[in-house]
Amino acid sequence: MGVLGLWIESECGRLLVTPGEIAVIPQGFRFSIDLPDGKSRGYVAEIYGAHFQLPDLGPIGTLDFF
């Protein structure tokens, strides 16, 4: 079995997020995460401001090694 990613289930339905993708969930939505491969790792950010900008990761962060 390969790397599937994770399933996000919200009020709007199910969304499959694979490695290298970013999921954005609007404020106030209820959601749950399902990990079909078992363990996973990643980042979660909750924004308390007017605008969110992804950080500059430099040359290593811009290359897709996976």
C-alpha atoms as a PDB file:
ATOM      1  CA  MET A   1       0.000   0.000   0.000  1.00  0.00           C
ATOM      2  CA  GLY A   2       1.435   3.381  -1.033  1.00  0.00           C
ATOM      3  CA  VAL A   3       1.235   6.708   0.704  1.00  0.00           C
ATOM      4  CA  LEU A   4      -2.372   7.873   0.462  1.00  0.00           C
ATOM      5  CA  GLY A   5      -2.226  11.034   2.544  1.00  0.00           C
ATOM      6  CA  LEU A   6      -5.128  11.871   4.809  1.00  0.00           C
ATOM      7  CA  TRP A   7      -8.880  12.320   4.591  1.00  0.00           C
ATOM      8  CA  ILE A   8     -10.463  15.487   5.940  1.00  0.00           C
ATOM      9  CA  GLU A   9     -14.191  15.280   6.581  1.00  0.00           C
ATOM     10  CA  SER A  10     -16.074  18.550   7.093  1.00  0.00           C
ATOM     11  CA  GLU A  11     -19.552  19.978   6.685  1.00  0.00           C
ATOM     12  CA  CYS A  12     -18.870  20.199   2.931  1.00  0.00           C
ATOM     13  CA  GLY A  13     -17.873  16.547   2.447  1.00  0.00           C
ATOM     14  CA  ARG A  14     -14.640  14.542   2.270  1.00  0.00           C
ATOM     15  CA  LEU A  15     -11.326  15.766   0.898  1.00  0.00           C
ATOM     16  CA  LEU A  16      -8.268  13.617   0.158  1.00  0.00           C
ATOM     17  CA  VAL A  17      -5.027  15.513   0.823  1.00  0.00           C
ATOM     18  CA  THR A  18      -1.934  13.790  -0.547  1.00  0.00           C
ATOM     19  CA  PRO A  19       1.701  14.503   0.397  1.00  0.00           C
ATOM     20  CA  GLY A  20       2.861  17.892  -0.905  1.00  0.00           C
ATOM     21  CA  GLU A  21      -0.637  19.420  -0.891  1.00  0.00           C
ATOM     22  CA  ILE A  22      -2.071  22.061   1.440  1.00  0.00           C
ATOM     23  CA  ALA A  23      -5.609  22.013   2.821  1.00  0.00           C
ATOM     24  CA  VAL A  24      -7.298  25.198   4.006  1.00  0.00           C
ATOM     25  CA  ILE A  25     -10.367  24.921   6.224  1.00  0.00           C
ATOM     26  CA  PRO A  26     -12.364  28.103   6.870  1.00  0.00           C
ATOM     27  CA  GLN A  27     -12.818  29.365  10.417  1.00  0.00           C
ATOM     28  CA  GLY A  28     -15.817  27.901  12.200  1.00  0.00           C
ATOM     29  CA  PHE A  29     -15.949  24.640  10.212  1.00  0.00           C
ATOM     30  CA  ARG A  30     -16.100  21.416  12.158  1.00  0.00           C
ATOM     31  CA  PHE A  31     -13.774  18.769  10.741  1.00  0.00           C
ATOM     32  CA  SER A  32     -12.187  15.423  11.495  1.00  0.00           C
ATOM     33  CA  ILE A  33      -9.024  13.796  10.137  1.00  0.00           C
ATOM     34  CA  ASP A  34      -8.662  10.153   9.112  1.00  0.00           C
ATOM     35  CA  LEU A  35      -5.201   8.660   8.533  1.00  0.00           C
ATOM     36  CA  PRO A  36      -5.584   5.604   6.261  1.00  0.00           C
ATOM     37  CA  ASP A  37      -1.838   4.796   6.480  1.00  0.00           C
ATOM     38  CA  GLY A  38      -1.739   4.944  10.278  1.00  0.00           C
ATOM     39  CA  LYS A  39       0.884   7.468  11.346  1.00  0.00           C
ATOM     40  CA  SER A  40       1.440  10.817   9.686  1.00  0.00           C
ATOM     41  CA  ARG A  41       3.150  14.139  10.321  1.00  0.00           C
ATOM     42  CA  GLY A  42       2.596  17.674   9.145  1.00  0.00           C
ATOM     43  CA  TYR A  43       1.735  21.184  10.250  1.00  0.00           C
ATOM     44  CA  VAL A  44      -1.450  22.723  11.589  1.00  0.00           C
ATOM     45  CA  ALA A  45      -1.833  26.492  11.860  1.00  0.00           C
ATOM     46  CA  GLU A  46      -4.738  28.459  13.274  1.00  0.00           C
ATOM     47  CA  ILE A  47      -4.712  32.045  12.083  1.00  0.00           C
ATOM     48  CA  TYR A  48      -5.884  34.940  14.290  1.00  0.00           C
ATOM     49  CA  GLY A  49      -5.383  37.765  11.856  1.00  0.00           C
ATOM     50  CA  ALA A  50      -6.629  39.390   8.726  1.00  0.00           C
ATOM     51  CA  HIS A  51      -4.319  37.712   6.187  1.00  0.00           C
ATOM     52  CA  PHE A  52      -2.155  34.581   6.112  1.00  0.00           C
ATOM     53  CA  GLN A  53       0.974  34.267   3.984  1.00  0.00           C
ATOM     54  CA  LEU A  54       2.968  31.046   3.661  1.00  0.00           C
ATOM     55  CA  PRO A  55       6.517  31.464   5.014  1.00  0.00           C
ATOM     56  CA  ASP A  56       9.467  31.538   2.633  1.00  0.00           C
ATOM     57  CA  LEU A  57      11.201  28.178   3.027  1.00  0.00           C
ATOM     58  CA  GLY A  58      14.191  29.009   0.859  1.00  0.00           C
ATOM     59  CA  PRO A  59      15.598  26.820  -1.915  1.00  0.00           C
ATOM     60  CA  ILE A  60      15.155  23.536  -0.015  1.00  0.00           C
ATOM     61  CA  GLY A  61      11.510  24.254   0.812  1.00  0.00           C
ATOM     62  CA  THR A  62      10.662  25.098  -2.788  1.00  0.00           C
ATOM     63  CA  LEU A  63      11.964  21.822  -4.256  1.00  0.00           C
ATOM     64  CA  ASP A  64       9.721  18.778  -4.193  1.00  0.00           C
ATOM     65  CA  PHE A  65      11.914  15.792  -3.261  1.00  0.00           C
ATOM     66  CA  PHE A  66       9.031  13.359  -2.730  1.00  0.00           C
END
